[in-house]
Amino acid sequence: SGVHTFDSGSIEIAGRRVAFDSPAKSREAGIAVVY
């Protein structure tokens, strides 16, 4: 959800590598979280 960044590894959304540095960037990629 972009609250934390990771130290190593990778995340792909529909085959495209992403790394979110904010919740807004995660939301722009189509990820929604209900805490």
PDB file of all heavy atoms in Angstrom:
ATOM      1  N   SER A   1       0.808  -1.225   0.000  1.00  0.00           N
ATOM      2  CA  SER A   1       0.000   0.000   0.000  1.00  0.00           C
ATOM      3  C   SER A   1       0.837   1.269   0.000  1.00  0.00           C
ATOM      4  O   SER A   1       0.294   2.374   0.033  1.00  0.00           O
ATOM      5  CB  SER A   1      -0.933   0.005   1.221  1.00  0.00           C
ATOM      6  OG  SER A   1      -0.187   0.039   2.420  1.00  0.00           O
ATOM      7  N   GLY A   2       2.178   1.130  -0.022  1.00  0.00           N
ATOM      8  CA  GLY A   2       3.030   2.303  -0.099  1.00  0.00           C
ATOM      9  C   GLY A   2       3.348   2.961   1.216  1.00  0.00           C
ATOM     10  O   GLY A   2       4.007   4.007   1.247  1.00  0.00           O
ATOM     11  N   VAL A   3       2.913   2.384   2.331  1.00  0.00           N
ATOM     12  CA  VAL A   3       3.226   2.951   3.649  1.00  0.00           C
ATOM     13  C   VAL A   3       4.693   2.707   3.984  1.00  0.00           C
ATOM     14  O   VAL A   3       5.377   3.579   4.529  1.00  0.00           O
ATOM     15  CB  VAL A   3       2.312   2.347   4.733  1.00  0.00           C
ATOM     16  CG1 VAL A   3       2.708   2.838   6.122  1.00  0.00           C
ATOM     17  CG2 VAL A   3       0.857   2.692   4.451  1.00  0.00           C
ATOM     18  N   HIS A   4       5.201   1.497   3.698  1.00  0.00           N
ATOM     19  CA  HIS A   4       6.608   1.162   3.888  1.00  0.00           C
ATOM     20  C   HIS A   4       7.248   0.866   2.529  1.00  0.00           C
ATOM     21  O   HIS A   4       6.567   0.413   1.600  1.00  0.00           O
ATOM     22  CB  HIS A   4       6.776  -0.074   4.779  1.00  0.00           C
ATOM     23  CG  HIS A   4       6.292   0.091   6.179  1.00  0.00           C
ATOM     24  ND1 HIS A   4       6.455   1.254   6.891  1.00  0.00           N
ATOM     25  CD2 HIS A   4       5.654  -0.786   7.021  1.00  0.00           C
ATOM     26  CE1 HIS A   4       5.940   1.111   8.098  1.00  0.00           C
ATOM     27  NE2 HIS A   4       5.453  -0.111   8.203  1.00  0.00           N
ATOM     28  N   THR A   5       8.545   1.083   2.431  1.00  0.00           N
ATOM     29  CA  THR A   5       9.318   0.614   1.285  1.00  0.00           C
ATOM     30  C   THR A   5      10.040  -0.668   1.692  1.00  0.00           C
ATOM     31  O   THR A   5      10.260  -0.912   2.878  1.00  0.00           O
ATOM     32  CB  THR A   5      10.343   1.666   0.839  1.00  0.00           C
ATOM     33  OG1 THR A   5      11.205   1.977   1.942  1.00  0.00           O
ATOM     34  CG2 THR A   5       9.638   2.931   0.369  1.00  0.00           C
ATOM     35  N   PHE A   6      10.395  -1.501   0.704  1.00  0.00           N
ATOM     36  CA  PHE A   6      11.098  -2.744   1.023  1.00  0.00           C
ATOM     37  C   PHE A   6      12.596  -2.564   0.796  1.00  0.00           C
ATOM     38  O   PHE A   6      13.042  -1.664   0.076  1.00  0.00           O
ATOM     39  CB  PHE A   6      10.548  -3.916   0.213  1.00  0.00           C
ATOM     40  CG  PHE A   6      10.501  -3.704  -1.276  1.00  0.00           C
ATOM     41  CD1 PHE A   6      11.591  -4.015  -2.073  1.00  0.00           C
ATOM     42  CD2 PHE A   6       9.350  -3.191  -1.894  1.00  0.00           C
ATOM     43  CE1 PHE A   6      11.546  -3.829  -3.449  1.00  0.00           C
ATOM     44  CE2 PHE A   6       9.296  -3.009  -3.267  1.00  0.00           C
ATOM     45  CZ  PHE A   6      10.405  -3.323  -4.048  1.00  0.00           C
ATOM     46  N   ASP A   7      13.375  -3.432   1.437  1.00  0.00           N
ATOM     47  CA  ASP A   7      14.837  -3.331   1.353  1.00  0.00           C
ATOM     48  C   ASP A   7      15.387  -4.024   0.110  1.00  0.00           C
ATOM     49  O   ASP A   7      16.321  -3.534  -0.521  1.00  0.00           O
ATOM     50  CB  ASP A   7      15.483  -3.940   2.607  1.00  0.00           C
ATOM     51  CG  ASP A   7      15.045  -3.225   3.874  1.00  0.00           C
ATOM     52  OD1 ASP A   7      14.762  -2.016   3.806  1.00  0.00           O
ATOM     53  OD2 ASP A   7      14.978  -3.883   4.935  1.00  0.00           O
ATOM     54  N   SER A   8      14.831  -5.178  -0.226  1.00  0.00           N
ATOM     55  CA  SER A   8      15.274  -5.913  -1.407  1.00  0.00           C
ATOM     56  C   SER A   8      14.148  -6.815  -1.874  1.00  0.00           C
ATOM     57  O   SER A   8      13.179  -7.055  -1.159  1.00  0.00           O
ATOM     58  CB  SER A   8      16.531  -6.736  -1.102  1.00  0.00           C
ATOM     59  OG  SER A   8      16.278  -7.692  -0.085  1.00  0.00           O
ATOM     60  N   GLY A   9      14.304  -7.352  -3.089  1.00  0.00           N
ATOM     61  CA  GLY A   9      13.247  -8.140  -3.699  1.00  0.00           C
ATOM     62  C   GLY A   9      12.579  -7.350  -4.804  1.00  0.00           C
ATOM     63  O   GLY A   9      13.089  -6.315  -5.256  1.00  0.00           O
ATOM     64  N   SER A  10      11.401  -7.800  -5.232  1.00  0.00           N
ATOM     65  CA  SER A  10      10.702  -7.104  -6.310  1.00  0.00           C
ATOM     66  C   SER A  10       9.197  -7.308  -6.203  1.00  0.00           C
ATOM     67  O   SER A  10       8.732  -8.307  -5.639  1.00  0.00           O
ATOM     68  CB  SER A  10      11.180  -7.596  -7.681  1.00  0.00           C
ATOM     69  OG  SER A  10      10.849  -8.966  -7.869  1.00  0.00           O
ATOM     70  N   ILE A  11       8.462  -6.340  -6.742  1.00  0.00           N
ATOM     71  CA  ILE A  11       7.000  -6.422  -6.830  1.00  0.00           C
ATOM     72  C   ILE A  11       6.609  -6.074  -8.258  1.00  0.00           C
ATOM     73  O   ILE A  11       7.082  -5.068  -8.811  1.00  0.00           O
ATOM     74  CB  ILE A  11       6.307  -5.459  -5.848  1.00  0.00           C
ATOM     75  CG1 ILE A  11       6.670  -5.804  -4.401  1.00  0.00           C
ATOM     76  CG2 ILE A  11       4.789  -5.495  -6.041  1.00  0.00           C
ATOM     77  CD1 ILE A  11       6.098  -4.828  -3.383  1.00  0.00           C
ATOM     78  N   GLU A  12       5.748  -6.895  -8.837  1.00  0.00           N
ATOM     79  CA  GLU A  12       5.231  -6.628 -10.175  1.00  0.00           C
ATOM     80  C   GLU A  12       3.710  -6.556 -10.131  1.00  0.00           C
ATOM     81  O   GLU A  12       3.064  -7.359  -9.446  1.00  0.00           O
ATOM     82  CB  GLU A  12       5.665  -7.724 -11.156  1.00  0.00           C
ATOM     83  CG  GLU A  12       7.163  -7.786 -11.392  1.00  0.00           C
ATOM     84  CD  GLU A  12       7.548  -8.883 -12.363  1.00  0.00           C
ATOM     85  OE1 GLU A  12       6.620  -9.511 -12.950  1.00  0.00           O
ATOM     86  OE2 GLU A  12       8.750  -9.139 -12.546  1.00  0.00           O
ATOM     87  N   ILE A  13       3.140  -5.595 -10.845  1.00  0.00           N
ATOM     88  CA  ILE A  13       1.698  -5.475 -11.025  1.00  0.00           C
ATOM     89  C   ILE A  13       1.421  -5.691 -12.507  1.00  0.00           C
ATOM     90  O   ILE A  13       1.857  -4.908 -13.350  1.00  0.00           O
ATOM     91  CB  ILE A  13       1.168  -4.091 -10.596  1.00  0.00           C
ATOM     92  CG1 ILE A  13       1.564  -3.780  -9.148  1.00  0.00           C
ATOM     93  CG2 ILE A  13      -0.346  -4.030 -10.778  1.00  0.00           C
ATOM     94  CD1 ILE A  13       0.909  -4.660  -8.119  1.00  0.00           C
ATOM     95  N   ALA A  14       0.733  -6.793 -12.828  1.00  0.00           N
ATOM     96  CA  ALA A  14       0.430  -7.147 -14.216  1.00  0.00           C
ATOM     97  C   ALA A  14       1.681  -7.156 -15.079  1.00  0.00           C
ATOM     98  O   ALA A  14       1.687  -6.674 -16.216  1.00  0.00           O
ATOM     99  CB  ALA A  14      -0.627  -6.203 -14.792  1.00  0.00           C
ATOM    100  N   GLY A  15       2.767  -7.684 -14.543  1.00  0.00           N
ATOM    101  CA  GLY A  15       3.999  -7.819 -15.300  1.00  0.00           C
ATOM    102  C   GLY A  15       4.911  -6.611 -15.285  1.00  0.00           C
ATOM    103  O   GLY A  15       6.021  -6.666 -15.819  1.00  0.00           O
ATOM    104  N   ARG A  16       4.494  -5.508 -14.668  1.00  0.00           N
ATOM    105  CA  ARG A  16       5.307  -4.286 -14.625  1.00  0.00           C
ATOM    106  C   ARG A  16       5.870  -4.096 -13.231  1.00  0.00           C
ATOM    107  O   ARG A  16       5.127  -4.104 -12.245  1.00  0.00           O
ATOM    108  CB  ARG A  16       4.464  -3.066 -15.007  1.00  0.00           C
ATOM    109  CG  ARG A  16       5.254  -1.771 -15.071  1.00  0.00           C
ATOM    110  CD  ARG A  16       4.401  -0.636 -15.602  1.00  0.00           C
ATOM    111  NE  ARG A  16       3.285  -0.335 -14.702  1.00  0.00           N
ATOM    112  CZ  ARG A  16       3.379   0.551 -13.697  1.00  0.00           C
ATOM    113  NH1 ARG A  16       4.519   1.182 -13.467  1.00  0.00           N
ATOM    114  NH2 ARG A  16       2.334   0.795 -12.933  1.00  0.00           N
ATOM    115  N   ARG A  17       7.189  -3.969 -13.139  1.00  0.00           N
ATOM    116  CA  ARG A  17       7.841  -3.827 -11.837  1.00  0.00           C
ATOM    117  C   ARG A  17       7.512  -2.463 -11.225  1.00  0.00           C
ATOM    118  O   ARG A  17       7.563  -1.438 -11.902  1.00  0.00           O
ATOM    119  CB  ARG A  17       9.353  -4.000 -11.969  1.00  0.00           C
ATOM    120  CG  ARG A  17      10.083  -3.952 -10.626  1.00  0.00           C
ATOM    121  CD  ARG A  17      11.524  -4.400 -10.738  1.00  0.00           C
ATOM    122  NE  ARG A  17      11.625  -5.835 -10.964  1.00  0.00           N
ATOM    123  CZ  ARG A  17      12.735  -6.541 -10.749  1.00  0.00           C
ATOM    124  NH1 ARG A  17      13.830  -5.931 -10.298  1.00  0.00           N
ATOM    125  NH2 ARG A  17      12.756  -7.830 -10.995  1.00  0.00           N
ATOM    126  N   VAL A  18       7.164  -2.480  -9.929  1.00  0.00           N
ATOM    127  CA  VAL A  18       6.790  -1.257  -9.225  1.00  0.00           C
ATOM    128  C   VAL A  18       7.504  -1.211  -7.878  1.00  0.00           C
ATOM    129  O   VAL A  18       7.936  -2.235  -7.351  1.00  0.00           O
ATOM    130  CB  VAL A  18       5.261  -1.165  -9.006  1.00  0.00           C
ATOM    131  CG1 VAL A  18       4.509  -1.106 -10.316  1.00  0.00           C
ATOM    132  CG2 VAL A  18       4.768  -2.327  -8.151  1.00  0.00           C
ATOM    133  N   ALA A  19       7.617  -0.014  -7.325  1.00  0.00           N
ATOM    134  CA  ALA A  19       8.119   0.206  -5.969  1.00  0.00           C
ATOM    135  C   ALA A  19       7.470   1.488  -5.475  1.00  0.00           C
ATOM    136  O   ALA A  19       7.788   2.575  -5.965  1.00  0.00           O
ATOM    137  CB  ALA A  19       9.644   0.312  -5.948  1.00  0.00           C
ATOM    138  N   PHE A  20       6.526   1.378  -4.546  1.00  0.00           N
ATOM    139  CA  PHE A  20       5.745   2.530  -4.113  1.00  0.00           C
ATOM    140  C   PHE A  20       6.458   3.247  -2.972  1.00  0.00           C
ATOM    141  O   PHE A  20       6.887   2.623  -2.001  1.00  0.00           O
ATOM    142  CB  PHE A  20       4.355   2.080  -3.653  1.00  0.00           C
ATOM    143  CG  PHE A  20       3.618   1.268  -4.681  1.00  0.00           C
ATOM    144  CD1 PHE A  20       3.114   0.013  -4.367  1.00  0.00           C
ATOM    145  CD2 PHE A  20       3.426   1.737  -5.964  1.00  0.00           C
ATOM    146  CE1 PHE A  20       2.439  -0.744  -5.305  1.00  0.00           C
ATOM    147  CE2 PHE A  20       2.762   0.997  -6.918  1.00  0.00           C
ATOM    148  CZ  PHE A  20       2.261  -0.254  -6.582  1.00  0.00           C
ATOM    149  N   ASP A  21       6.556   4.578  -3.087  1.00  0.00           N
ATOM    150  CA  ASP A  21       7.128   5.369  -2.004  1.00  0.00           C
ATOM    151  C   ASP A  21       6.069   6.194  -1.280  1.00  0.00           C
ATOM    152  O   ASP A  21       6.388   7.022  -0.428  1.00  0.00           O
ATOM    153  CB  ASP A  21       8.247   6.279  -2.522  1.00  0.00           C
ATOM    154  CG  ASP A  21       7.780   7.208  -3.654  1.00  0.00           C
ATOM    155  OD1 ASP A  21       6.556   7.262  -3.902  1.00  0.00           O
ATOM    156  OD2 ASP A  21       8.629   7.868  -4.278  1.00  0.00           O
ATOM    157  N   SER A  22       4.796   5.966  -1.619  1.00  0.00           N
ATOM    158  CA  SER A  22       3.707   6.660  -0.936  1.00  0.00           C
ATOM    159  C   SER A  22       2.404   5.911  -1.195  1.00  0.00           C
ATOM    160  O   SER A  22       2.274   5.210  -2.207  1.00  0.00           O
ATOM    161  CB  SER A  22       3.566   8.102  -1.442  1.00  0.00           C
ATOM    162  OG  SER A  22       3.081   8.110  -2.777  1.00  0.00           O
ATOM    163  N   PRO A  23       1.420   6.040  -0.293  1.00  0.00           N
ATOM    164  CA  PRO A  23       0.105   5.431  -0.542  1.00  0.00           C
ATOM    165  C   PRO A  23      -0.552   5.943  -1.814  1.00  0.00           C
ATOM    166  O   PRO A  23      -1.287   5.207  -2.474  1.00  0.00           O
ATOM    167  CB  PRO A  23      -0.699   5.821   0.710  1.00  0.00           C
ATOM    168  CG  PRO A  23       0.331   6.011   1.771  1.00  0.00           C
ATOM    169  CD  PRO A  23       1.518   6.605   1.066  1.00  0.00           C
ATOM    170  N   ALA A  24      -0.290   7.205  -2.181  1.00  0.00           N
ATOM    171  CA  ALA A  24      -0.888   7.758  -3.399  1.00  0.00           C
ATOM    172  C   ALA A  24      -0.406   6.998  -4.633  1.00  0.00           C
ATOM    173  O   ALA A  24      -1.192   6.720  -5.553  1.00  0.00           O
ATOM    174  CB  ALA A  24      -0.549   9.245  -3.519  1.00  0.00           C
ATOM    175  N   LYS A  25       0.881   6.633  -4.665  1.00  0.00           N
ATOM    176  CA  LYS A  25       1.417   5.884  -5.811  1.00  0.00           C
ATOM    177  C   LYS A  25       0.795   4.495  -5.880  1.00  0.00           C
ATOM    178  O   LYS A  25       0.512   3.980  -6.969  1.00  0.00           O
ATOM    179  CB  LYS A  25       2.937   5.784  -5.685  1.00  0.00           C
ATOM    180  CG  LYS A  25       3.662   7.111  -5.813  1.00  0.00           C
ATOM    181  CD  LYS A  25       3.596   7.635  -7.234  1.00  0.00           C
ATOM    182  CE  LYS A  25       4.342   8.959  -7.382  1.00  0.00           C
ATOM    183  NZ  LYS A  25       5.774   8.851  -7.076  1.00  0.00           N
ATOM    184  N   SER A  26       0.585   3.884  -4.720  1.00  0.00           N
ATOM    185  CA  SER A  26      -0.059   2.564  -4.678  1.00  0.00           C
ATOM    186  C   SER A  26      -1.489   2.653  -5.193  1.00  0.00           C
ATOM    187  O   SER A  26      -1.936   1.807  -5.980  1.00  0.00           O
ATOM    188  CB  SER A  26      -0.046   2.021  -3.248  1.00  0.00           C
ATOM    189  OG  SER A  26      -0.789   0.824  -3.144  1.00  0.00           O
ATOM    190  N   ARG A  27      -2.185   3.693  -4.782  1.00  0.00           N
ATOM    191  CA  ARG A  27      -3.572   3.865  -5.216  1.00  0.00           C
ATOM    192  C   ARG A  27      -3.630   4.121  -6.727  1.00  0.00           C
ATOM    193  O   ARG A  27      -4.520   3.613  -7.417  1.00  0.00           O
ATOM    194  CB  ARG A  27      -4.216   5.032  -4.453  1.00  0.00           C
ATOM    195  CG  ARG A  27      -5.676   5.273  -4.805  1.00  0.00           C
ATOM    196  CD  ARG A  27      -6.574   4.207  -4.228  1.00  0.00           C
ATOM    197  NE  ARG A  27      -7.889   4.198  -4.850  1.00  0.00           N
ATOM    198  CZ  ARG A  27      -8.964   3.667  -4.314  1.00  0.00           C
ATOM    199  NH1 ARG A  27      -8.908   3.080  -3.158  1.00  0.00           N
ATOM    200  NH2 ARG A  27     -10.104   3.690  -4.945  1.00  0.00           N
ATOM    201  N   GLU A  28      -2.686   4.885  -7.251  1.00  0.00           N
ATOM    202  CA  GLU A  28      -2.642   5.145  -8.693  1.00  0.00           C
ATOM    203  C   GLU A  28      -2.456   3.849  -9.484  1.00  0.00           C
ATOM    204  O   GLU A  28      -2.932   3.725 -10.607  1.00  0.00           O
ATOM    205  CB  GLU A  28      -1.494   6.112  -9.014  1.00  0.00           C
ATOM    206  CG  GLU A  28      -1.763   7.551  -8.607  1.00  0.00           C
ATOM    207  CD  GLU A  28      -0.539   8.431  -8.829  1.00  0.00           C
ATOM    208  OE1 GLU A  28       0.439   7.941  -9.446  1.00  0.00           O
ATOM    209  OE2 GLU A  28      -0.554   9.587  -8.379  1.00  0.00           O
ATOM    210  N   ALA A  29      -1.768   2.877  -8.880  1.00  0.00           N
ATOM    211  CA  ALA A  29      -1.560   1.581  -9.538  1.00  0.00           C
ATOM    212  C   ALA A  29      -2.764   0.664  -9.407  1.00  0.00           C
ATOM    213  O   ALA A  29      -2.757  -0.450  -9.937  1.00  0.00           O
ATOM    214  CB  ALA A  29      -0.322   0.898  -8.966  1.00  0.00           C
ATOM    215  N   GLY A  30      -3.816   1.118  -8.684  1.00  0.00           N
ATOM    216  CA  GLY A  30      -5.043   0.335  -8.570  1.00  0.00           C
ATOM    217  C   GLY A  30      -5.129  -0.520  -7.339  1.00  0.00           C
ATOM    218  O   GLY A  30      -5.940  -1.456  -7.288  1.00  0.00           O
ATOM    219  N   ILE A  31      -4.335  -0.214  -6.300  1.00  0.00           N
ATOM    220  CA  ILE A  31      -4.371  -0.987  -5.064  1.00  0.00           C
ATOM    221  C   ILE A  31      -5.158  -0.211  -4.013  1.00  0.00           C
ATOM    222  O   ILE A  31      -4.876   0.962  -3.751  1.00  0.00           O
ATOM    223  CB  ILE A  31      -2.955  -1.287  -4.552  1.00  0.00           C
ATOM    224  CG1 ILE A  31      -2.203  -2.147  -5.572  1.00  0.00           C
ATOM    225  CG2 ILE A  31      -2.990  -1.988  -3.197  1.00  0.00           C
ATOM    226  CD1 ILE A  31      -0.752  -2.412  -5.217  1.00  0.00           C
ATOM    227  N   ALA A  32      -6.147  -0.858  -3.438  1.00  0.00           N
ATOM    228  CA  ALA A  32      -6.965  -0.247  -2.384  1.00  0.00           C
ATOM    229  C   ALA A  32      -6.919  -1.137  -1.154  1.00  0.00           C
ATOM    230  O   ALA A  32      -7.012  -2.362  -1.259  1.00  0.00           O
ATOM    231  CB  ALA A  32      -8.407  -0.077  -2.852  1.00  0.00           C
ATOM    232  N   VAL A  33      -6.762  -0.527   0.018  1.00  0.00           N
ATOM    233  CA  VAL A  33      -6.622  -1.267   1.269  1.00  0.00           C
ATOM    234  C   VAL A  33      -7.697  -0.814   2.247  1.00  0.00           C
ATOM    235  O   VAL A  33      -7.946   0.384   2.399  1.00  0.00           O
ATOM    236  CB  VAL A  33      -5.237  -1.062   1.906  1.00  0.00           C
ATOM    237  CG1 VAL A  33      -5.061  -1.972   3.117  1.00  0.00           C
ATOM    238  CG2 VAL A  33      -4.133  -1.323   0.892  1.00  0.00           C
ATOM    239  N   VAL A  34      -8.321  -1.778   2.911  1.00  0.00           N
ATOM    240  CA  VAL A  34      -9.257  -1.484   3.995  1.00  0.00           C
ATOM    241  C   VAL A  34      -8.652  -2.047   5.275  1.00  0.00           C
ATOM    242  O   VAL A  34      -8.569  -3.261   5.452  1.00  0.00           O
ATOM    243  CB  VAL A  34     -10.642  -2.097   3.741  1.00  0.00           C
ATOM    244  CG1 VAL A  34     -11.560  -1.838   4.933  1.00  0.00           C
ATOM    245  CG2 VAL A  34     -11.254  -1.522   2.473  1.00  0.00           C
ATOM    246  N   TYR A  35      -8.180  -1.151   6.148  1.00  0.00           N
ATOM    247  CA  TYR A  35      -7.601  -1.559   7.423  1.00  0.00           C
ATOM    248  C   TYR A  35      -8.694  -1.706   8.470  1.00  0.00           C
ATOM    249  O   TYR A  35      -9.836  -1.265   8.291  1.00  0.00           O
ATOM    250  CB  TYR A  35      -6.578  -0.524   7.902  1.00  0.00           C
ATOM    251  CG  TYR A  35      -5.370  -0.369   7.006  1.00  0.00           C
ATOM    252  CD1 TYR A  35      -5.264   0.738   6.159  1.00  0.00           C
ATOM    253  CD2 TYR A  35      -4.347  -1.305   7.010  1.00  0.00           C
ATOM    254  CE1 TYR A  35      -4.151   0.903   5.340  1.00  0.00           C
ATOM    255  CE2 TYR A  35      -3.239  -1.153   6.193  1.00  0.00           C
ATOM    256  CZ  TYR A  35      -3.144  -0.045   5.363  1.00  0.00           C
ATOM    257  OH  TYR A  35      -2.052   0.108   4.546  1.00  0.00           O
TER     258      TYR A  35
END
